[in-house]
Amino acid sequence: KSSSLTAVKLHTSRILKRIGLIRGRLINIDVHVTEYFGKQHLPEGHHGTKNKPVKCWCTLVAQDQDTKNPVYHYTYLRHLSIFEILPDFIQKVRSVVGGAPWFTLVFDREFFKGEFFAELIKTPRTKFITLAKNYKTIVEQLEVLPEKCFRALCEGKEVMTTYLHVTGCDTPLRTIVIKLLDTGKLIALLTNDEKTPEELLILRYARRWRIENLFKDTAAFLHLDRLPGIKQTKIDALLYLKFLAFTMFNYLRLQLGGAYALVLLSRREFRRNAGQRSKSRRRCGYGGAVTGGLAGVYWGFENIPERWLVKFSPIQAEKLERIAEAYRKVTIL
């Protein structure tokens, strides 16, 4: 049932929060579109990358920006308005991260709507950062900004802080305006965070791209876009398992540390490490250890080729066994 699945997803995320795999201070949110190629009827929605209407399912995803791990997701049909889903979605994300003094939502232009901003401003301990759309009212306000108010940010860029009015939101929003000196283009970030320095807000928005990397890595290594059918609960359950697998892989890499943490979650990288024959024995050992460790998690210890197992030193094998044992002790249901 959908309600049971929601309870499982929230319970799992709270466990991940408790053991430190989710921090909950900065939350990236975005929508991943999965195109459906089957013959059964599905409502069409706009596919941003292909820039055309397609039959698809959409998944609204929240990602912890600090750890890069998924926090919560919800699958829906494209014909629904994202703004109908967001209030309940954000409330569930809030229930996962707990009673932190504040948390910041970071999202792109797809979520640009004055009424949505107004609701976030009313929500206690909730901040947001987003990129301004090139609406006529926004552009007109940016065009009259005085040149003398800009200051140097870094090579080729200047920055200033002002306040802009957005239709649907009665409160003027703090706006970080970045000017590209070579083209004169203005980029505006809107926020209700009045205290954080400009440079840090810009960095936090730049790290919104981590959720795009999450989609890319999960699609390449865990087949995020392969749908098991057209039933919403079935799709949502499968995505739950794939996002959980991503978190476990991510945790494994970081626990091993060193060169292990740099291995990408992609099938191409996996095959490259599996077959690499480097002149440097140290590099070959790292690649073999990472590949063997991930294979053990994904396919089971009994299916790992012997030629990979021999690459682990006793210390590495013992560490992997401790990590696996710790996973077994975590109660998901």
Protein backbone atom coordinates (compact mmCIF):
# COMPACT_ATOMS: atom_id res chain seq x y z
CA LYS A 1 0.00 0.00 0.00
CA SER A 2 1.08 3.55 -0.65
CA SER A 3 0.67 4.57 3.00
CA SER A 4 2.77 1.60 4.18
CA LEU A 5 5.49 2.41 1.65
CA THR A 6 5.55 6.04 2.80
CA ALA A 7 5.98 4.88 6.41
CA VAL A 8 8.87 2.60 5.39
CA LYS A 9 10.61 5.39 3.45
CA LEU A 10 10.30 7.84 6.34
CA HIS A 11 11.42 5.26 8.91
CA THR A 12 14.49 4.40 6.83
CA SER A 13 15.44 8.05 6.37
CA ARG A 14 15.12 8.69 10.11
CA ILE A 15 17.50 5.80 10.77
CA LEU A 16 19.96 7.25 8.25
CA LYS A 17 19.64 10.61 9.97
CA ARG A 18 20.27 9.06 13.37
CA ILE A 19 23.46 7.30 12.24
CA GLY A 20 24.79 10.41 10.48
CA LEU A 21 24.20 9.57 6.81
CA ILE A 22 21.78 12.52 6.58
CA ARG A 23 22.59 15.84 8.24
CA GLY A 24 19.51 17.81 7.27
CA ARG A 25 20.85 21.38 7.20
CA LEU A 26 20.86 21.92 3.42
CA ILE A 27 18.34 20.08 1.22
CA ASN A 28 18.48 20.03 -2.58
CA ILE A 29 15.14 19.33 -4.24
CA ASP A 30 14.53 18.56 -7.90
CA VAL A 31 12.34 16.49 -10.23
CA HIS A 32 13.65 13.52 -12.19
CA VAL A 33 11.67 12.62 -15.32
CA THR A 34 11.59 8.98 -16.44
CA GLU A 35 10.23 8.48 -19.94
CA TYR A 36 7.88 5.55 -20.52
CA PHE A 37 8.23 3.72 -23.86
CA GLY A 38 5.53 1.08 -23.38
CA LYS A 39 2.21 0.82 -25.17
CA GLN A 40 -0.02 1.48 -22.18
CA HIS A 41 -1.54 4.91 -21.79
CA LEU A 42 0.13 7.48 -19.54
CA PRO A 43 -0.48 11.24 -19.41
CA GLU A 44 2.16 13.20 -21.26
CA GLY A 45 4.38 15.76 -19.60
CA HIS A 46 7.15 18.08 -20.72
CA HIS A 47 10.61 16.52 -20.75
CA GLY A 48 13.08 19.31 -20.04
CA THR A 49 16.14 17.68 -21.61
CA LYS A 50 14.36 16.64 -24.80
CA ASN A 51 12.17 19.76 -24.77
CA LYS A 52 9.07 17.91 -25.91
CA PRO A 53 6.01 16.19 -24.38
CA VAL A 54 6.53 12.50 -23.56
CA LYS A 55 4.77 9.75 -21.62
CA CYS A 56 6.56 9.74 -18.30
CA TRP A 57 6.65 9.35 -14.55
CA CYS A 58 8.16 12.07 -12.41
CA THR A 59 9.96 11.70 -9.09
CA LEU A 60 10.31 14.60 -6.69
CA VAL A 61 13.54 14.03 -4.77
CA ALA A 62 15.09 15.64 -1.69
CA GLN A 63 18.84 15.21 -1.26
CA ASP A 64 21.05 16.04 1.70
CA GLN A 65 23.57 18.48 0.24
CA ASP A 66 26.33 17.74 2.77
CA THR A 67 26.37 13.93 2.46
CA LYS A 68 24.91 13.77 -1.09
CA ASN A 69 22.49 11.05 0.05
CA PRO A 70 18.75 10.97 -0.82
CA VAL A 71 16.40 12.00 2.00
CA TYR A 72 12.93 11.33 0.59
CA HIS A 73 11.19 10.95 -2.77
CA TYR A 74 7.69 10.84 -4.20
CA THR A 75 6.61 9.54 -7.62
CA TYR A 76 3.74 11.17 -9.51
CA LEU A 77 2.33 11.72 -13.00
CA ARG A 78 3.47 14.80 -14.88
CA HIS A 79 -0.01 16.23 -15.40
CA LEU A 80 -0.16 17.03 -11.66
CA SER A 81 1.10 20.41 -10.53
CA ILE A 82 4.33 20.22 -8.57
CA PHE A 83 3.00 22.92 -6.26
CA GLU A 84 0.13 20.66 -5.19
CA ILE A 85 2.66 18.08 -4.01
CA LEU A 86 5.31 20.30 -2.44
CA PRO A 87 3.60 21.27 0.89
CA ASP A 88 3.13 17.67 2.03
CA PHE A 89 6.52 16.68 0.58
CA ILE A 90 8.39 19.38 2.50
CA GLN A 91 6.53 18.48 5.68
CA LYS A 92 7.72 14.88 5.36
CA VAL A 93 11.29 16.00 4.71
CA ARG A 94 11.03 18.20 7.79
CA SER A 95 9.87 15.20 9.85
CA VAL A 96 13.03 13.33 8.79
CA VAL A 97 15.57 16.03 9.60
CA GLY A 98 13.94 16.67 12.98
CA GLY A 99 13.97 19.77 15.12
CA ALA A 100 17.05 21.49 13.72
CA PRO A 101 17.27 25.25 14.35
CA TRP A 102 16.83 25.79 10.62
CA PHE A 103 17.13 24.06 7.29
CA THR A 104 17.56 25.48 3.80
CA LEU A 105 15.87 24.26 0.63
CA VAL A 106 17.89 24.73 -2.56
CA PHE A 107 16.04 24.43 -5.86
CA ASP A 108 16.13 25.68 -9.45
CA ARG A 109 13.78 27.75 -11.61
CA GLU A 110 11.25 24.94 -12.01
CA PHE A 111 9.98 25.81 -8.52
CA PHE A 112 9.86 29.57 -9.14
CA LYS A 113 6.49 30.82 -7.92
CA GLY A 114 5.70 33.76 -5.65
CA GLU A 115 2.93 31.96 -3.75
CA PHE A 116 5.33 29.09 -2.99
CA PHE A 117 7.93 31.54 -1.68
CA ALA A 118 5.30 33.19 0.52
CA GLU A 119 4.41 29.83 2.10
CA LEU A 120 8.07 29.05 2.78
CA ILE A 121 8.54 32.44 4.45
CA LYS A 122 5.63 31.65 6.78
CA THR A 123 7.10 28.22 7.65
CA PRO A 124 9.17 28.43 10.85
CA ARG A 125 12.92 27.76 10.64
CA THR A 126 12.82 27.27 6.87
CA LYS A 127 15.08 29.09 4.41
CA PHE A 128 15.38 28.76 0.65
CA ILE A 129 17.71 29.67 -2.22
CA THR A 130 16.67 29.66 -5.86
CA LEU A 131 17.59 31.10 -9.24
CA ALA A 132 15.40 33.93 -10.54
CA LYS A 133 13.47 33.42 -13.75
CA ASN A 134 13.78 35.95 -16.56
CA TYR A 135 10.29 37.32 -16.08
CA LYS A 136 9.71 40.83 -17.37
CA THR A 137 9.11 42.20 -13.87
CA ILE A 138 12.37 40.65 -12.62
CA VAL A 139 14.43 41.84 -15.59
CA GLU A 140 13.10 45.39 -15.26
CA GLN A 141 14.16 45.54 -11.61
CA LEU A 142 17.64 44.20 -12.43
CA GLU A 143 18.22 46.63 -15.30
CA VAL A 144 18.00 49.70 -13.05
CA LEU A 145 20.58 48.55 -10.49
CA PRO A 146 23.36 51.15 -10.07
CA GLU A 147 26.81 50.04 -11.27
CA LYS A 148 28.55 51.55 -8.25
CA CYS A 149 26.84 49.10 -5.89
CA PHE A 150 28.66 46.10 -7.34
CA ARG A 151 31.87 44.86 -5.71
CA ALA A 152 34.49 42.36 -6.86
CA LEU A 153 33.58 38.74 -6.21
CA CYS A 154 36.27 36.81 -8.09
CA GLU A 155 38.03 37.08 -11.42
CA GLY A 156 35.52 38.16 -14.05
CA LYS A 157 32.59 38.51 -11.64
CA GLU A 158 31.06 41.20 -9.45
CA VAL A 159 28.31 40.90 -6.86
CA MET A 160 25.81 43.01 -4.96
CA THR A 161 22.82 42.51 -2.66
CA THR A 162 19.44 44.09 -3.28
CA TYR A 163 15.75 43.27 -2.75
CA LEU A 164 13.32 42.27 -5.49
CA HIS A 165 9.53 42.01 -5.58
CA VAL A 166 8.07 38.77 -6.96
CA THR A 167 4.45 38.51 -8.04
CA GLY A 168 2.49 36.49 -5.51
CA CYS A 169 4.86 37.17 -2.62
CA ASP A 170 4.21 40.28 -0.53
CA THR A 171 7.64 40.19 1.14
CA PRO A 172 10.59 41.62 -0.86
CA LEU A 173 13.20 38.90 -1.24
CA ARG A 174 16.90 39.33 -0.61
CA THR A 175 18.60 38.99 -4.00
CA ILE A 176 22.25 38.20 -4.67
CA VAL A 177 23.06 39.62 -8.11
CA ILE A 178 26.14 38.27 -9.89
CA LYS A 179 27.47 40.19 -12.88
CA LEU A 180 29.61 38.47 -15.53
CA LEU A 181 32.03 41.17 -16.67
CA ASP A 182 32.83 39.64 -20.07
CA THR A 183 29.18 39.56 -21.21
CA GLY A 184 27.45 41.90 -18.77
CA LYS A 185 24.93 39.15 -17.96
CA LEU A 186 23.20 39.33 -14.58
CA ILE A 187 22.41 36.20 -12.55
CA ALA A 188 20.07 36.63 -9.56
CA LEU A 189 19.68 34.31 -6.59
CA LEU A 190 16.59 34.85 -4.42
CA THR A 191 16.49 33.90 -0.74
CA ASN A 192 14.78 34.67 2.56
CA ASP A 193 18.09 34.12 4.41
CA GLU A 194 19.07 37.54 5.73
CA LYS A 195 22.21 36.60 7.68
CA THR A 196 24.32 34.26 5.55
CA PRO A 197 27.13 36.00 3.57
CA GLU A 198 26.77 36.34 -0.18
CA GLU A 199 29.70 34.04 -1.01
CA LEU A 200 28.30 31.21 1.11
CA LEU A 201 24.84 31.50 -0.45
CA ILE A 202 26.38 31.34 -3.93
CA LEU A 203 28.36 28.24 -2.92
CA ARG A 204 25.25 26.55 -1.53
CA TYR A 205 23.35 27.14 -4.75
CA ALA A 206 26.30 25.89 -6.81
CA ARG A 207 26.16 22.64 -4.83
CA ARG A 208 22.58 22.14 -5.97
CA TRP A 209 24.23 20.38 -8.90
CA ARG A 210 24.93 17.46 -6.58
CA ILE A 211 21.35 16.27 -7.03
CA GLU A 212 21.89 16.16 -10.80
CA ASN A 213 24.94 13.97 -10.13
CA LEU A 214 22.75 11.77 -7.92
CA PHE A 215 20.35 11.20 -10.82
CA LYS A 216 23.20 10.54 -13.24
CA ASP A 217 25.07 8.08 -10.99
CA THR A 218 21.94 6.21 -9.94
CA ALA A 219 20.76 5.93 -13.54
CA ALA A 220 24.15 4.69 -14.77
CA PHE A 221 24.89 2.18 -12.01
CA LEU A 222 21.51 1.21 -10.57
CA HIS A 223 19.28 1.67 -13.65
CA LEU A 224 17.14 4.42 -12.15
CA ASP A 225 15.18 4.86 -15.39
CA ARG A 226 14.16 1.21 -15.84
CA LEU A 227 10.51 1.06 -14.83
CA PRO A 228 8.95 -2.21 -13.57
CA GLY A 229 5.52 -1.23 -14.93
CA ILE A 230 3.13 1.70 -14.67
CA LYS A 231 1.81 1.19 -11.12
CA GLN A 232 2.81 4.12 -8.94
CA THR A 233 3.41 2.15 -5.74
CA LYS A 234 5.52 -0.44 -7.52
CA ILE A 235 7.68 2.24 -9.16
CA ASP A 236 8.01 4.17 -5.90
CA ALA A 237 9.07 1.02 -4.03
CA LEU A 238 11.73 0.17 -6.60
CA LEU A 239 13.11 3.71 -6.52
CA TYR A 240 13.22 3.50 -2.72
CA LEU A 241 15.47 0.43 -2.96
CA LYS A 242 17.70 2.03 -5.59
CA PHE A 243 18.17 5.24 -3.60
CA LEU A 244 18.90 3.18 -0.48
CA ALA A 245 21.49 1.17 -2.45
CA PHE A 246 23.09 4.44 -3.57
CA THR A 247 23.38 5.53 0.07
CA MET A 248 24.98 2.24 1.07
CA PHE A 249 27.49 2.39 -1.78
CA ASN A 250 28.29 5.99 -0.93
CA TYR A 251 28.84 5.10 2.74
CA LEU A 252 31.06 2.16 1.79
CA ARG A 253 33.31 4.34 -0.37
CA LEU A 254 33.70 6.98 2.32
CA GLN A 255 34.41 4.41 5.03
CA LEU A 256 37.19 2.83 2.97
CA GLY A 257 38.63 6.30 2.36
CA GLY A 258 41.60 7.28 0.22
CA ALA A 259 41.39 6.29 -3.42
CA TYR A 260 38.25 4.25 -2.74
CA ALA A 261 36.24 7.42 -2.08
CA LEU A 262 37.05 8.68 -5.60
CA VAL A 263 35.54 5.74 -7.48
CA LEU A 264 32.49 6.73 -9.51
CA LEU A 265 29.22 4.81 -9.30
CA SER A 266 29.00 3.98 -12.98
CA ARG A 267 29.02 0.72 -14.89
CA ARG A 268 31.86 1.97 -17.12
CA GLU A 269 34.00 2.82 -14.10
CA PHE A 270 33.09 -0.52 -12.54
CA ARG A 271 34.22 -2.46 -15.61
CA ARG A 272 37.36 -0.35 -15.94
CA ASN A 273 38.38 -1.13 -12.38
CA ALA A 274 37.50 -4.79 -12.81
CA GLY A 275 39.79 -5.22 -15.81
CA GLN A 276 42.51 -2.68 -15.19
CA ARG A 277 46.12 -3.80 -15.42
CA SER A 278 48.16 -0.89 -14.15
CA LYS A 279 51.92 -0.85 -13.99
CA SER A 280 51.50 0.52 -10.48
CA ARG A 281 50.64 -2.35 -8.14
CA ARG A 282 49.23 0.13 -5.64
CA ARG A 283 46.71 1.51 -8.14
CA CYS A 284 45.78 -1.99 -9.28
CA GLY A 285 45.21 -3.04 -5.66
CA TYR A 286 42.97 -0.04 -5.01
CA GLY A 287 40.91 -0.67 -8.14
CA GLY A 288 40.54 -4.37 -7.42
CA ALA A 289 39.60 -3.77 -3.78
CA VAL A 290 36.94 -1.21 -4.68
CA THR A 291 35.49 -3.36 -7.44
CA GLY A 292 35.44 -6.47 -5.29
CA GLY A 293 33.87 -4.63 -2.37
CA LEU A 294 31.08 -3.15 -4.45
CA ALA A 295 30.49 -6.47 -6.21
CA GLY A 296 30.09 -8.19 -2.86
CA VAL A 297 27.43 -5.71 -1.81
CA TYR A 298 25.58 -5.79 -5.13
CA TRP A 299 25.79 -9.45 -6.24
CA GLY A 300 26.66 -11.26 -3.02
CA PHE A 301 29.92 -12.51 -1.62
CA GLU A 302 29.59 -15.97 -3.19
CA ASN A 303 29.53 -14.47 -6.73
CA ILE A 304 32.76 -12.46 -6.46
CA PRO A 305 35.50 -13.90 -8.72
CA GLU A 306 38.45 -15.30 -6.79
CA ARG A 307 40.87 -13.07 -8.72
CA TRP A 308 39.21 -10.03 -7.11
CA LEU A 309 39.11 -11.43 -3.59
CA VAL A 310 42.85 -12.03 -3.45
CA LYS A 311 43.47 -8.30 -3.90
CA PHE A 312 42.21 -7.54 -0.34
CA SER A 313 44.75 -7.41 2.42
CA PRO A 314 43.72 -8.96 5.76
CA ILE A 315 43.20 -5.46 7.20
CA GLN A 316 40.97 -4.41 4.31
CA ALA A 317 38.97 -7.64 4.49
CA GLU A 318 38.46 -7.21 8.23
CA LYS A 319 37.28 -3.62 7.76
CA LEU A 320 34.79 -4.64 5.08
CA GLU A 321 33.46 -7.41 7.33
CA ARG A 322 32.92 -4.90 10.16
CA ILE A 323 31.03 -2.56 7.82
CA ALA A 324 28.86 -5.42 6.51
CA GLU A 325 28.15 -6.58 10.05
CA ALA A 326 27.11 -3.05 11.02
CA TYR A 327 24.65 -2.98 8.09
CA ARG A 328 23.12 -6.26 9.22
CA LYS A 329 22.43 -4.80 12.65
CA VAL A 330 20.47 -1.85 11.26
CA THR A 331 16.73 -2.58 11.50
CA ILE A 332 14.90 -1.13 8.53
CA LEU A 333 11.39 -2.51 9.16
